[in-house]
């Protein structure tokens, strides 16, 4: 078996069938599809079982809800392919995803192939689409090339550029994936991709980057990763703790890894505040204050060093450093309103 495609499903009933169909429609035949029902309370378990009955390539795993990290581990333990790909149950892949992966692997011997992703942003009244590429040139990177070219952007450089942190669009040599993902703390469900991916970059001998957009990544406001949840602050704190442990135990990480950790933590604080603004969670500001005054997050905001970043972002960080969290919320809310009014005005002028 050449590929194992692992799909995790939890409360994605409206999207799961299109996800599975996109995988079964691949123009490369040598693969298995592992559907992991993570105790989903909707119709996902029945959908998984239906595909398992009608297609011999499909394996189904049912388990009590344990979170995405545990669900991926369950799928990975069941996998028999030489390479694995993780697909979220609300995403899709292009028909040539596995074939192009196969061609890249056979040509280069890569232990990880990374394709660009098509981000489909779902908003209240409109849907936006953008293609996300890696911040470095496509091509084959040997281990020394990874350290020289990729490592400066591994977590985040001082201009906010970074390698993509998610597993979407990536095909990974199974033994390497097992070493990278089976050790992740199952309590972490935000930032867990990052912890696995940096280990793949650290331990892999050859990585092939392609700018072909072959994975369609759905960004949903109500998904676990993109809606506002106060618990996400604790999740990021846990990721920062794991990154610091990795720094102490590993010998091949970037020289500025500590600085990248600080920038990652500060950036995630900024992102979570943006989510709070988008979801109009101003009543949560007092709880946000308590979370951001915790040692890992406070240290990240205070110590992060930036080069050229936007004025809006720089002002927000200055407000964070002064613990002016309500002011930062209102500032970002005003920026958001101005942006929407500007877009509305442009739309009218084009009519």
C-alpha atoms as a PDB file:
ATOM      1  CA  UNK A   1       0.000   0.000   0.000  1.00  0.00           C
ATOM      2  CA  UNK A   2       1.501   3.312  -1.056  1.00  0.00           C
ATOM      3  CA  UNK A   3      -0.702   5.877   0.731  1.00  0.00           C
ATOM      4  CA  UNK A   4      -2.874   5.948   3.833  1.00  0.00           C
ATOM      5  CA  UNK A   5      -5.243   8.923   3.911  1.00  0.00           C
ATOM      6  CA  UNK A   6      -6.532   9.606   7.426  1.00  0.00           C
ATOM      7  CA  UNK A   7      -9.735  11.622   7.834  1.00  0.00           C
ATOM      8  CA  UNK A   8     -10.898  12.703  11.292  1.00  0.00           C
ATOM      9  CA  UNK A   9     -14.598  13.453  11.721  1.00  0.00           C
ATOM     10  CA  UNK A  10     -16.296  15.364  14.509  1.00  0.00           C
ATOM     11  CA  UNK A  11     -19.410  17.461  13.885  1.00  0.00           C
ATOM     12  CA  UNK A  12     -18.700  17.882  10.176  1.00  0.00           C
ATOM     13  CA  UNK A  13     -21.827  16.162   8.853  1.00  0.00           C
ATOM     14  CA  UNK A  14     -22.580  18.810   6.152  1.00  0.00           C
ATOM     15  CA  UNK A  15     -19.072  18.428   4.678  1.00  0.00           C
ATOM     16  CA  UNK A  16     -17.977  14.850   5.281  1.00  0.00           C
ATOM     17  CA  UNK A  17     -19.429  13.270   2.154  1.00  0.00           C
ATOM     18  CA  UNK A  18     -17.769  15.801  -0.172  1.00  0.00           C
ATOM     19  CA  UNK A  19     -14.495  15.243   1.685  1.00  0.00           C
ATOM     20  CA  UNK A  20     -14.651  11.470   1.297  1.00  0.00           C
ATOM     21  CA  UNK A  21     -15.782  11.665  -2.332  1.00  0.00           C
ATOM     22  CA  UNK A  22     -12.820  13.920  -3.181  1.00  0.00           C
ATOM     23  CA  UNK A  23     -10.457  11.261  -1.835  1.00  0.00           C
ATOM     24  CA  UNK A  24     -12.170   8.286  -3.459  1.00  0.00           C
ATOM     25  CA  UNK A  25     -12.058  10.179  -6.787  1.00  0.00           C
ATOM     26  CA  UNK A  26      -8.233  10.252  -6.825  1.00  0.00           C
ATOM     27  CA  UNK A  27      -6.592   9.301 -10.133  1.00  0.00           C
ATOM     28  CA  UNK A  28      -4.048   7.212  -8.204  1.00  0.00           C
ATOM     29  CA  UNK A  29      -5.409   3.847  -7.058  1.00  0.00           C
ATOM     30  CA  UNK A  30      -2.966   2.468  -4.488  1.00  0.00           C
ATOM     31  CA  UNK A  31      -4.305   3.963  -1.270  1.00  0.00           C
ATOM     32  CA  UNK A  32      -6.468   3.217   1.734  1.00  0.00           C
ATOM     33  CA  UNK A  33      -8.827   5.664   3.393  1.00  0.00           C
ATOM     34  CA  UNK A  34      -9.110   5.554   7.179  1.00  0.00           C
ATOM     35  CA  UNK A  35     -12.154   7.349   8.602  1.00  0.00           C
ATOM     36  CA  UNK A  36     -11.895   8.114  12.312  1.00  0.00           C
ATOM     37  CA  UNK A  37     -15.204   8.974  13.954  1.00  0.00           C
ATOM     38  CA  UNK A  38     -14.154  10.818  17.108  1.00  0.00           C
ATOM     39  CA  UNK A  39     -17.425  10.206  18.942  1.00  0.00           C
ATOM     40  CA  UNK A  40     -19.289  12.677  16.742  1.00  0.00           C
ATOM     41  CA  UNK A  41     -22.844  13.331  18.025  1.00  0.00           C
ATOM     42  CA  UNK A  42     -24.284  14.006  14.549  1.00  0.00           C
ATOM     43  CA  UNK A  43     -24.657  11.717  11.534  1.00  0.00           C
ATOM     44  CA  UNK A  44     -20.900  11.366  10.889  1.00  0.00           C
ATOM     45  CA  UNK A  45     -20.688   7.815  12.336  1.00  0.00           C
ATOM     46  CA  UNK A  46     -23.405   6.572   9.969  1.00  0.00           C
ATOM     47  CA  UNK A  47     -21.776   8.294   6.982  1.00  0.00           C
ATOM     48  CA  UNK A  48     -18.450   6.639   7.813  1.00  0.00           C
ATOM     49  CA  UNK A  49     -20.077   3.207   8.118  1.00  0.00           C
ATOM     50  CA  UNK A  50     -21.902   3.644   4.803  1.00  0.00           C
ATOM     51  CA  UNK A  51     -18.636   4.276   2.979  1.00  0.00           C
ATOM     52  CA  UNK A  52     -16.984   1.403   4.808  1.00  0.00           C
ATOM     53  CA  UNK A  53     -19.676  -0.984   3.534  1.00  0.00           C
ATOM     54  CA  UNK A  54     -19.594   0.077  -0.092  1.00  0.00           C
ATOM     55  CA  UNK A  55     -15.870   0.636  -0.745  1.00  0.00           C
ATOM     56  CA  UNK A  56     -13.195  -1.887   0.218  1.00  0.00           C
ATOM     57  CA  UNK A  57     -10.551   0.853   0.358  1.00  0.00           C
ATOM     58  CA  UNK A  58     -12.277   2.406   3.367  1.00  0.00           C
ATOM     59  CA  UNK A  59     -11.551   1.458   6.974  1.00  0.00           C
ATOM     60  CA  UNK A  60     -13.663   2.912   9.788  1.00  0.00           C
ATOM     61  CA  UNK A  61     -12.651   3.565  13.383  1.00  0.00           C
ATOM     62  CA  UNK A  62     -15.191   4.588  16.029  1.00  0.00           C
ATOM     63  CA  UNK A  63     -13.987   5.959  19.356  1.00  0.00           C
ATOM     64  CA  UNK A  64     -15.229   8.067  22.227  1.00  0.00           C
ATOM     65  CA  UNK A  65     -14.595  11.769  21.741  1.00  0.00           C
ATOM     66  CA  UNK A  66     -10.960  12.418  22.636  1.00  0.00           C
ATOM     67  CA  UNK A  67     -10.043  15.324  20.376  1.00  0.00           C
ATOM     68  CA  UNK A  68      -8.341  15.663  17.030  1.00  0.00           C
ATOM     69  CA  UNK A  69      -4.871  14.706  18.281  1.00  0.00           C
ATOM     70  CA  UNK A  70      -6.051  11.365  19.672  1.00  0.00           C
ATOM     71  CA  UNK A  71      -8.178  10.751  16.554  1.00  0.00           C
ATOM     72  CA  UNK A  72      -5.195  11.236  14.243  1.00  0.00           C
ATOM     73  CA  UNK A  73      -3.121   8.930  16.416  1.00  0.00           C
ATOM     74  CA  UNK A  74      -5.790   6.233  16.112  1.00  0.00           C
ATOM     75  CA  UNK A  75      -5.751   6.544  12.331  1.00  0.00           C
ATOM     76  CA  UNK A  76      -1.957   6.558  12.189  1.00  0.00           C
ATOM     77  CA  UNK A  77      -1.707   3.385  14.274  1.00  0.00           C
ATOM     78  CA  UNK A  78      -4.084   1.648  11.844  1.00  0.00           C
ATOM     79  CA  UNK A  79      -2.284   2.905   8.709  1.00  0.00           C
ATOM     80  CA  UNK A  80      -0.374   0.469   6.500  1.00  0.00           C
ATOM     81  CA  UNK A  81       0.725   2.812   3.693  1.00  0.00           C
ATOM     82  CA  UNK A  82       4.306   3.837   3.059  1.00  0.00           C
ATOM     83  CA  UNK A  83       3.192   7.477   3.256  1.00  0.00           C
ATOM     84  CA  UNK A  84       0.319   9.148   5.106  1.00  0.00           C
ATOM     85  CA  UNK A  85      -1.783  12.229   4.516  1.00  0.00           C
ATOM     86  CA  UNK A  86      -4.110  13.823   7.072  1.00  0.00           C
ATOM     87  CA  UNK A  87      -7.330  15.443   5.852  1.00  0.00           C
ATOM     88  CA  UNK A  88      -9.875  17.163   8.107  1.00  0.00           C
ATOM     89  CA  UNK A  89     -13.442  16.014   7.611  1.00  0.00           C
ATOM     90  CA  UNK A  90     -14.581  19.401   6.299  1.00  0.00           C
ATOM     91  CA  UNK A  91     -11.761  19.728   3.736  1.00  0.00           C
ATOM     92  CA  UNK A  92     -11.304  18.347   0.223  1.00  0.00           C
ATOM     93  CA  UNK A  93      -8.389  17.387  -2.009  1.00  0.00           C
ATOM     94  CA  UNK A  94      -7.972  17.793  -5.741  1.00  0.00           C
ATOM     95  CA  UNK A  95      -8.211  14.619  -7.917  1.00  0.00           C
ATOM     96  CA  UNK A  96      -4.460  14.618  -8.649  1.00  0.00           C
ATOM     97  CA  UNK A  97      -3.346  15.097  -5.016  1.00  0.00           C
ATOM     98  CA  UNK A  98      -2.024  11.560  -4.514  1.00  0.00           C
ATOM     99  CA  UNK A  99      -0.725  11.120  -8.075  1.00  0.00           C
ATOM    100  CA  UNK A 100       1.327  14.308  -7.887  1.00  0.00           C
ATOM    101  CA  UNK A 101       2.570  13.234  -4.465  1.00  0.00           C
ATOM    102  CA  UNK A 102       3.586   9.859  -5.864  1.00  0.00           C
ATOM    103  CA  UNK A 103       5.449  11.484  -8.761  1.00  0.00           C
ATOM    104  CA  UNK A 104       7.328  13.850  -6.438  1.00  0.00           C
ATOM    105  CA  UNK A 105       8.321  11.026  -4.081  1.00  0.00           C
ATOM    106  CA  UNK A 106       9.470   8.701  -6.854  1.00  0.00           C
ATOM    107  CA  UNK A 107      11.487  11.474  -8.510  1.00  0.00           C
ATOM    108  CA  UNK A 108      13.108  12.999  -5.411  1.00  0.00           C
ATOM    109  CA  UNK A 109      12.914  10.411  -2.618  1.00  0.00           C
ATOM    110  CA  UNK A 110      11.294  13.053  -0.411  1.00  0.00           C
ATOM    111  CA  UNK A 111      10.123  12.064   3.056  1.00  0.00           C
ATOM    112  CA  UNK A 112       7.594  14.882   3.027  1.00  0.00           C
ATOM    113  CA  UNK A 113       5.841  16.523   0.077  1.00  0.00           C
ATOM    114  CA  UNK A 114       4.165  19.867   0.778  1.00  0.00           C
ATOM    115  CA  UNK A 115       1.533  21.281  -1.572  1.00  0.00           C
ATOM    116  CA  UNK A 116      -0.025  24.726  -1.400  1.00  0.00           C
ATOM    117  CA  UNK A 117      -3.533  25.036   0.018  1.00  0.00           C
ATOM    118  CA  UNK A 118      -6.652  26.762  -1.217  1.00  0.00           C
ATOM    119  CA  UNK A 119      -8.218  28.494   1.801  1.00  0.00           C
ATOM    120  CA  UNK A 120     -11.981  28.869   1.524  1.00  0.00           C
ATOM    121  CA  UNK A 121     -13.054  31.450   4.097  1.00  0.00           C
ATOM    122  CA  UNK A 122     -16.700  31.185   5.095  1.00  0.00           C
ATOM    123  CA  UNK A 123     -18.167  34.468   6.286  1.00  0.00           C
ATOM    124  CA  UNK A 124     -21.684  35.565   7.117  1.00  0.00           C
ATOM    125  CA  UNK A 125     -22.648  36.897   3.689  1.00  0.00           C
ATOM    126  CA  UNK A 126     -19.742  36.045   1.432  1.00  0.00           C
ATOM    127  CA  UNK A 127     -17.090  33.470   0.716  1.00  0.00           C
ATOM    128  CA  UNK A 128     -13.497  34.380  -0.024  1.00  0.00           C
ATOM    129  CA  UNK A 129     -10.835  32.152  -1.556  1.00  0.00           C
ATOM    130  CA  UNK A 130      -7.070  32.560  -1.418  1.00  0.00           C
ATOM    131  CA  UNK A 131      -4.096  30.329  -2.131  1.00  0.00           C
ATOM    132  CA  UNK A 132      -1.535  29.924   0.649  1.00  0.00           C
ATOM    133  CA  UNK A 133       2.050  29.143  -0.391  1.00  0.00           C
ATOM    134  CA  UNK A 134       5.106  28.488   1.733  1.00  0.00           C
ATOM    135  CA  UNK A 135       7.310  31.591   2.239  1.00  0.00           C
ATOM    136  CA  UNK A 136      10.276  29.939   0.474  1.00  0.00           C
ATOM    137  CA  UNK A 137      10.792  28.774  -3.106  1.00  0.00           C
ATOM    138  CA  UNK A 138       9.458  25.420  -4.262  1.00  0.00           C
ATOM    139  CA  UNK A 139      11.893  22.593  -4.850  1.00  0.00           C
ATOM    140  CA  UNK A 140      13.724  19.773  -3.089  1.00  0.00           C
ATOM    141  CA  UNK A 141      15.416  20.622   0.210  1.00  0.00           C
ATOM    142  CA  UNK A 142      18.080  18.339   1.637  1.00  0.00           C
ATOM    143  CA  UNK A 143      18.695  18.411   5.390  1.00  0.00           C
ATOM    144  CA  UNK A 144      21.305  21.207   5.201  1.00  0.00           C
ATOM    145  CA  UNK A 145      19.049  23.194   2.847  1.00  0.00           C
ATOM    146  CA  UNK A 146      16.197  22.837   5.350  1.00  0.00           C
ATOM    147  CA  UNK A 147      18.364  24.290   8.101  1.00  0.00           C
ATOM    148  CA  UNK A 148      19.628  27.153   5.953  1.00  0.00           C
ATOM    149  CA  UNK A 149      16.457  28.156   4.072  1.00  0.00           C
ATOM    150  CA  UNK A 150      13.434  26.806   5.967  1.00  0.00           C
ATOM    151  CA  UNK A 151      14.545  27.100   9.603  1.00  0.00           C
ATOM    152  CA  UNK A 152      14.538  30.940   9.639  1.00  0.00           C
ATOM    153  CA  UNK A 153      10.759  30.751   8.986  1.00  0.00           C
ATOM    154  CA  UNK A 154       9.994  27.537  10.883  1.00  0.00           C
ATOM    155  CA  UNK A 155       7.817  29.112  13.584  1.00  0.00           C
ATOM    156  CA  UNK A 156       7.873  32.786  12.620  1.00  0.00           C
ATOM    157  CA  UNK A 157      10.435  35.300  11.407  1.00  0.00           C
ATOM    158  CA  UNK A 158      10.444  38.967  12.426  1.00  0.00           C
ATOM    159  CA  UNK A 159       8.261  39.919   9.430  1.00  0.00           C
ATOM    160  CA  UNK A 160       5.521  37.429  10.437  1.00  0.00           C
ATOM    161  CA  UNK A 161       6.382  34.978   7.694  1.00  0.00           C
ATOM    162  CA  UNK A 162       6.297  31.307   8.641  1.00  0.00           C
ATOM    163  CA  UNK A 163       6.073  27.825   7.199  1.00  0.00           C
ATOM    164  CA  UNK A 164       2.515  26.535   7.208  1.00  0.00           C
ATOM    165  CA  UNK A 165       1.795  24.962  10.584  1.00  0.00           C
ATOM    166  CA  UNK A 166      -1.062  22.655   9.602  1.00  0.00           C
ATOM    167  CA  UNK A 167      -0.847  19.098   8.250  1.00  0.00           C
ATOM    168  CA  UNK A 168      -3.179  19.943   5.356  1.00  0.00           C
ATOM    169  CA  UNK A 169      -1.606  19.447   1.931  1.00  0.00           C
ATOM    170  CA  UNK A 170       1.312  17.413   3.313  1.00  0.00           C
ATOM    171  CA  UNK A 171       2.238  13.805   2.523  1.00  0.00           C
ATOM    172  CA  UNK A 172       4.669  12.273   5.027  1.00  0.00           C
ATOM    173  CA  UNK A 173       6.742   9.073   5.165  1.00  0.00           C
ATOM    174  CA  UNK A 174       4.846   6.942   7.675  1.00  0.00           C
ATOM    175  CA  UNK A 175       7.737   6.041  10.043  1.00  0.00           C
ATOM    176  CA  UNK A 176       8.621   9.729  10.225  1.00  0.00           C
ATOM    177  CA  UNK A 177       4.976  10.673  10.825  1.00  0.00           C
ATOM    178  CA  UNK A 178       4.765   8.108  13.616  1.00  0.00           C
ATOM    179  CA  UNK A 179       7.837   9.530  15.358  1.00  0.00           C
ATOM    180  CA  UNK A 180       6.499  13.073  14.980  1.00  0.00           C
ATOM    181  CA  UNK A 181       2.793  12.746  15.785  1.00  0.00           C
ATOM    182  CA  UNK A 182       2.352   9.779  18.107  1.00  0.00           C
ATOM    183  CA  UNK A 183       4.208  11.580  20.918  1.00  0.00           C
ATOM    184  CA  UNK A 184       2.053  14.746  20.896  1.00  0.00           C
ATOM    185  CA  UNK A 185       0.185  15.509  24.108  1.00  0.00           C
ATOM    186  CA  UNK A 186      -3.450  14.545  23.456  1.00  0.00           C
ATOM    187  CA  UNK A 187      -4.674  17.422  25.611  1.00  0.00           C
ATOM    188  CA  UNK A 188      -3.450  19.817  22.903  1.00  0.00           C
ATOM    189  CA  UNK A 189      -6.005  20.389  20.137  1.00  0.00           C
ATOM    190  CA  UNK A 190      -4.843  23.808  18.896  1.00  0.00           C
ATOM    191  CA  UNK A 191      -1.270  23.998  17.658  1.00  0.00           C
ATOM    192  CA  UNK A 192      -0.851  20.225  17.634  1.00  0.00           C
ATOM    193  CA  UNK A 193      -0.064  20.263  13.900  1.00  0.00           C
ATOM    194  CA  UNK A 194       2.839  22.624  14.486  1.00  0.00           C
ATOM    195  CA  UNK A 195       4.422  20.344  17.104  1.00  0.00           C
ATOM    196  CA  UNK A 196       4.422  17.448  14.643  1.00  0.00           C
ATOM    197  CA  UNK A 197       5.494  19.392  11.572  1.00  0.00           C
ATOM    198  CA  UNK A 198       8.585  20.969  13.176  1.00  0.00           C
ATOM    199  CA  UNK A 199       9.772  17.488  14.183  1.00  0.00           C
ATOM    200  CA  UNK A 200       9.317  16.299  10.583  1.00  0.00           C
ATOM    201  CA  UNK A 201      11.451  19.212   9.360  1.00  0.00           C
ATOM    202  CA  UNK A 202      14.024  18.490  12.052  1.00  0.00           C
ATOM    203  CA  UNK A 203      14.344  14.751  11.435  1.00  0.00           C
ATOM    204  CA  UNK A 204      13.519  14.462   7.718  1.00  0.00           C
ATOM    205  CA  UNK A 205      16.348  14.088   5.210  1.00  0.00           C
ATOM    206  CA  UNK A 206      14.533  15.402   2.134  1.00  0.00           C
ATOM    207  CA  UNK A 207      11.512  17.721   1.835  1.00  0.00           C
ATOM    208  CA  UNK A 208       9.856  18.633  -1.458  1.00  0.00           C
ATOM    209  CA  UNK A 209       7.853  21.873  -1.616  1.00  0.00           C
ATOM    210  CA  UNK A 210       5.385  22.457  -4.450  1.00  0.00           C
ATOM    211  CA  UNK A 211       3.298  25.519  -5.216  1.00  0.00           C
ATOM    212  CA  UNK A 212       0.529  23.411  -6.752  1.00  0.00           C
ATOM    213  CA  UNK A 213      -2.692  24.123  -4.767  1.00  0.00           C
ATOM    214  CA  UNK A 214      -4.037  20.600  -4.297  1.00  0.00           C
ATOM    215  CA  UNK A 215      -5.712  20.781  -0.873  1.00  0.00           C
ATOM    216  CA  UNK A 216      -8.893  22.762  -0.245  1.00  0.00           C
ATOM    217  CA  UNK A 217      -8.878  23.943   3.364  1.00  0.00           C
ATOM    218  CA  UNK A 218     -12.212  25.153   4.712  1.00  0.00           C
ATOM    219  CA  UNK A 219     -12.008  27.984   7.267  1.00  0.00           C
ATOM    220  CA  UNK A 220     -15.196  27.928   9.340  1.00  0.00           C
ATOM    221  CA  UNK A 221     -15.989  30.443  12.061  1.00  0.00           C
ATOM    222  CA  UNK A 222     -17.574  27.709  14.182  1.00  0.00           C
ATOM    223  CA  UNK A 223     -14.796  25.167  13.767  1.00  0.00           C
ATOM    224  CA  UNK A 224     -12.618  24.191  16.703  1.00  0.00           C
ATOM    225  CA  UNK A 225      -9.614  26.136  15.453  1.00  0.00           C
ATOM    226  CA  UNK A 226     -11.159  29.390  14.197  1.00  0.00           C
ATOM    227  CA  UNK A 227     -14.000  30.441  16.497  1.00  0.00           C
ATOM    228  CA  UNK A 228     -13.208  32.269  19.745  1.00  0.00           C
ATOM    229  CA  UNK A 229     -12.811  30.104  22.818  1.00  0.00           C
ATOM    230  CA  UNK A 230     -11.213  31.309  26.027  1.00  0.00           C
ATOM    231  CA  UNK A 231      -9.725  27.807  26.442  1.00  0.00           C
ATOM    232  CA  UNK A 232      -7.540  28.458  23.403  1.00  0.00           C
ATOM    233  CA  UNK A 233      -5.247  30.649  25.522  1.00  0.00           C
ATOM    234  CA  UNK A 234      -4.414  27.659  27.698  1.00  0.00           C
ATOM    235  CA  UNK A 235      -3.881  25.576  24.571  1.00  0.00           C
ATOM    236  CA  UNK A 236      -1.313  28.039  23.253  1.00  0.00           C
ATOM    237  CA  UNK A 237       0.411  28.134  26.638  1.00  0.00           C
ATOM    238  CA  UNK A 238       0.726  24.346  26.476  1.00  0.00           C
ATOM    239  CA  UNK A 239       2.180  24.535  22.959  1.00  0.00           C
ATOM    240  CA  UNK A 240       4.737  27.110  24.137  1.00  0.00           C
ATOM    241  CA  UNK A 241       5.710  24.792  26.992  1.00  0.00           C
ATOM    242  CA  UNK A 242       6.177  21.903  24.550  1.00  0.00           C
ATOM    243  CA  UNK A 243       8.256  24.079  22.213  1.00  0.00           C
ATOM    244  CA  UNK A 244      10.550  25.076  25.061  1.00  0.00           C
ATOM    245  CA  UNK A 245      10.975  21.429  26.042  1.00  0.00           C
ATOM    246  CA  UNK A 246      11.828  20.660  22.425  1.00  0.00           C
ATOM    247  CA  UNK A 247      14.426  23.424  22.420  1.00  0.00           C
ATOM    248  CA  UNK A 248      16.127  21.928  25.477  1.00  0.00           C
ATOM    249  CA  UNK A 249      16.142  18.340  24.196  1.00  0.00           C
ATOM    250  CA  UNK A 250      16.897  18.834  20.473  1.00  0.00           C
ATOM    251  CA  UNK A 251      20.241  19.676  18.940  1.00  0.00           C
ATOM    252  CA  UNK A 252      19.379  20.625  15.349  1.00  0.00           C
ATOM    253  CA  UNK A 253      16.833  23.431  15.746  1.00  0.00           C
ATOM    254  CA  UNK A 254      17.324  27.029  14.530  1.00  0.00           C
ATOM    255  CA  UNK A 255      19.773  29.209  16.446  1.00  0.00           C
ATOM    256  CA  UNK A 256      17.027  31.784  16.990  1.00  0.00           C
ATOM    257  CA  UNK A 257      14.427  29.180  18.004  1.00  0.00           C
ATOM    258  CA  UNK A 258      13.786  30.930  21.323  1.00  0.00           C
ATOM    259  CA  UNK A 259      13.059  34.189  19.484  1.00  0.00           C
ATOM    260  CA  UNK A 260      10.744  32.347  17.108  1.00  0.00           C
ATOM    261  CA  UNK A 261       8.901  30.834  20.078  1.00  0.00           C
ATOM    262  CA  UNK A 262       8.323  34.331  21.493  1.00  0.00           C
ATOM    263  CA  UNK A 263       7.036  35.633  18.162  1.00  0.00           C
ATOM    264  CA  UNK A 264       4.746  32.618  17.726  1.00  0.00           C
ATOM    265  CA  UNK A 265       3.225  33.140  21.181  1.00  0.00           C
ATOM    266  CA  UNK A 266       2.715  36.868  20.625  1.00  0.00           C
ATOM    267  CA  UNK A 267       1.224  36.275  17.180  1.00  0.00           C
ATOM    268  CA  UNK A 268      -1.255  33.726  18.557  1.00  0.00           C
ATOM    269  CA  UNK A 269      -2.354  36.224  21.236  1.00  0.00           C
ATOM    270  CA  UNK A 270      -3.006  38.720  18.444  1.00  0.00           C
ATOM    271  CA  UNK A 271      -4.919  36.082  16.444  1.00  0.00           C
ATOM    272  CA  UNK A 272      -7.107  35.097  19.397  1.00  0.00           C
ATOM    273  CA  UNK A 273      -7.994  38.736  20.015  1.00  0.00           C
ATOM    274  CA  UNK A 274      -8.979  39.038  16.351  1.00  0.00           C
ATOM    275  CA  UNK A 275     -11.260  36.015  16.833  1.00  0.00           C
ATOM    276  CA  UNK A 276     -12.781  37.659  19.895  1.00  0.00           C
ATOM    277  CA  UNK A 277     -13.494  40.802  17.861  1.00  0.00           C
ATOM    278  CA  UNK A 278     -14.975  38.827  14.961  1.00  0.00           C
ATOM    279  CA  UNK A 279     -17.273  36.958  17.353  1.00  0.00           C
ATOM    280  CA  UNK A 280     -18.078  40.166  19.308  1.00  0.00           C
ATOM    281  CA  UNK A 281     -16.870  38.712  22.596  1.00  0.00           C
ATOM    282  CA  UNK A 282     -16.145  41.994  24.405  1.00  0.00           C
ATOM    283  CA  UNK A 283     -17.643  40.556  27.598  1.00  0.00           C
ATOM    284  CA  UNK A 284     -14.742  38.092  27.633  1.00  0.00           C
ATOM    285  CA  UNK A 285     -12.059  40.796  27.885  1.00  0.00           C
ATOM    286  CA  UNK A 286     -11.626  40.363  31.656  1.00  0.00           C
ATOM    287  CA  UNK A 287     -11.028  36.639  31.137  1.00  0.00           C
ATOM    288  CA  UNK A 288      -8.657  37.420  28.258  1.00  0.00           C
ATOM    289  CA  UNK A 289      -6.716  39.693  30.617  1.00  0.00           C
ATOM    290  CA  UNK A 290      -6.278  36.879  33.143  1.00  0.00           C
ATOM    291  CA  UNK A 291      -5.138  34.446  30.474  1.00  0.00           C
ATOM    292  CA  UNK A 292      -2.685  36.847  28.869  1.00  0.00           C
ATOM    293  CA  UNK A 293      -1.170  37.660  32.245  1.00  0.00           C
ATOM    294  CA  UNK A 294      -0.099  34.029  32.575  1.00  0.00           C
ATOM    295  CA  UNK A 295       3.668  33.618  32.427  1.00  0.00           C
ATOM    296  CA  UNK A 296       4.130  31.971  28.980  1.00  0.00           C
ATOM    297  CA  UNK A 297       1.879  34.426  27.119  1.00  0.00           C
ATOM    298  CA  UNK A 298       2.986  37.536  28.985  1.00  0.00           C
ATOM    299  CA  UNK A 299       6.632  36.689  28.363  1.00  0.00           C
ATOM    300  CA  UNK A 300       6.003  36.108  24.647  1.00  0.00           C
ATOM    301  CA  UNK A 301       4.272  39.475  24.197  1.00  0.00           C
ATOM    302  CA  UNK A 302       6.960  41.281  26.178  1.00  0.00           C
ATOM    303  CA  UNK A 303      10.014  39.673  24.529  1.00  0.00           C
ATOM    304  CA  UNK A 304       8.929  39.204  20.910  1.00  0.00           C
ATOM    305  CA  UNK A 305      11.139  41.184  18.543  1.00  0.00           C
ATOM    306  CA  UNK A 306       9.698  42.354  15.230  1.00  0.00           C
ATOM    307  CA  UNK A 307      11.030  43.866  12.055  1.00  0.00           C
ATOM    308  CA  UNK A 308       8.655  45.177   9.396  1.00  0.00           C
ATOM    309  CA  UNK A 309       5.047  44.464  10.424  1.00  0.00           C
ATOM    310  CA  UNK A 310       1.829  46.390   9.872  1.00  0.00           C
ATOM    311  CA  UNK A 311       1.069  49.493  11.924  1.00  0.00           C
ATOM    312  CA  UNK A 312      -2.173  47.902  13.173  1.00  0.00           C
ATOM    313  CA  UNK A 313      -0.305  44.886  14.495  1.00  0.00           C
ATOM    314  CA  UNK A 314       2.461  46.952  16.067  1.00  0.00           C
ATOM    315  CA  UNK A 315      -0.072  49.179  17.873  1.00  0.00           C
ATOM    316  CA  UNK A 316      -1.907  46.098  19.147  1.00  0.00           C
ATOM    317  CA  UNK A 317       1.288  44.637  20.603  1.00  0.00           C
ATOM    318  CA  UNK A 318       2.092  47.930  22.335  1.00  0.00           C
ATOM    319  CA  UNK A 319      -1.377  47.879  23.911  1.00  0.00           C
ATOM    320  CA  UNK A 320      -0.865  44.251  24.965  1.00  0.00           C
ATOM    321  CA  UNK A 321       2.433  45.139  26.617  1.00  0.00           C
ATOM    322  CA  UNK A 322       0.697  47.868  28.609  1.00  0.00           C
ATOM    323  CA  UNK A 323      -2.077  45.407  29.522  1.00  0.00           C
ATOM    324  CA  UNK A 324      -4.649  47.628  27.813  1.00  0.00           C
ATOM    325  CA  UNK A 325      -6.732  44.715  26.599  1.00  0.00           C
ATOM    326  CA  UNK A 326     -10.100  46.449  26.335  1.00  0.00           C
ATOM    327  CA  UNK A 327      -8.445  49.266  24.378  1.00  0.00           C
ATOM    328  CA  UNK A 328      -6.803  46.728  22.058  1.00  0.00           C
ATOM    329  CA  UNK A 329     -10.173  45.027  21.539  1.00  0.00           C
ATOM    330  CA  UNK A 330     -11.868  48.338  20.673  1.00  0.00           C
ATOM    331  CA  UNK A 331      -8.971  49.339  18.420  1.00  0.00           C
ATOM    332  CA  UNK A 332      -9.182  46.095  16.433  1.00  0.00           C
ATOM    333  CA  UNK A 333     -12.975  46.367  16.312  1.00  0.00           C
ATOM    334  CA  UNK A 334     -12.695  49.840  14.756  1.00  0.00           C
ATOM    335  CA  UNK A 335     -10.107  48.592  12.256  1.00  0.00           C
ATOM    336  CA  UNK A 336     -12.457  45.785  11.320  1.00  0.00           C
ATOM    337  CA  UNK A 337     -15.402  48.133  10.819  1.00  0.00           C
ATOM    338  CA  UNK A 338     -13.358  50.525   8.686  1.00  0.00           C
ATOM    339  CA  UNK A 339     -12.189  47.613   6.528  1.00  0.00           C
ATOM    340  CA  UNK A 340     -15.771  46.418   5.980  1.00  0.00           C
ATOM    341  CA  UNK A 341     -17.000  49.924   5.140  1.00  0.00           C
ATOM    342  CA  UNK A 342     -14.123  50.327   2.682  1.00  0.00           C
ATOM    343  CA  UNK A 343     -15.010  47.051   0.971  1.00  0.00           C
ATOM    344  CA  UNK A 344     -18.674  48.030   0.844  1.00  0.00           C
ATOM    345  CA  UNK A 345     -17.802  51.374  -0.709  1.00  0.00           C
ATOM    346  CA  UNK A 346     -15.630  49.720  -3.359  1.00  0.00           C
ATOM    347  CA  UNK A 347     -18.364  47.222  -4.164  1.00  0.00           C
ATOM    348  CA  UNK A 348     -20.889  50.015  -4.737  1.00  0.00           C
ATOM    349  CA  UNK A 349     -18.490  51.987  -6.916  1.00  0.00           C
ATOM    350  CA  UNK A 350     -17.973  48.932  -9.155  1.00  0.00           C
ATOM    351  CA  UNK A 351     -21.720  48.459  -9.737  1.00  0.00           C
END
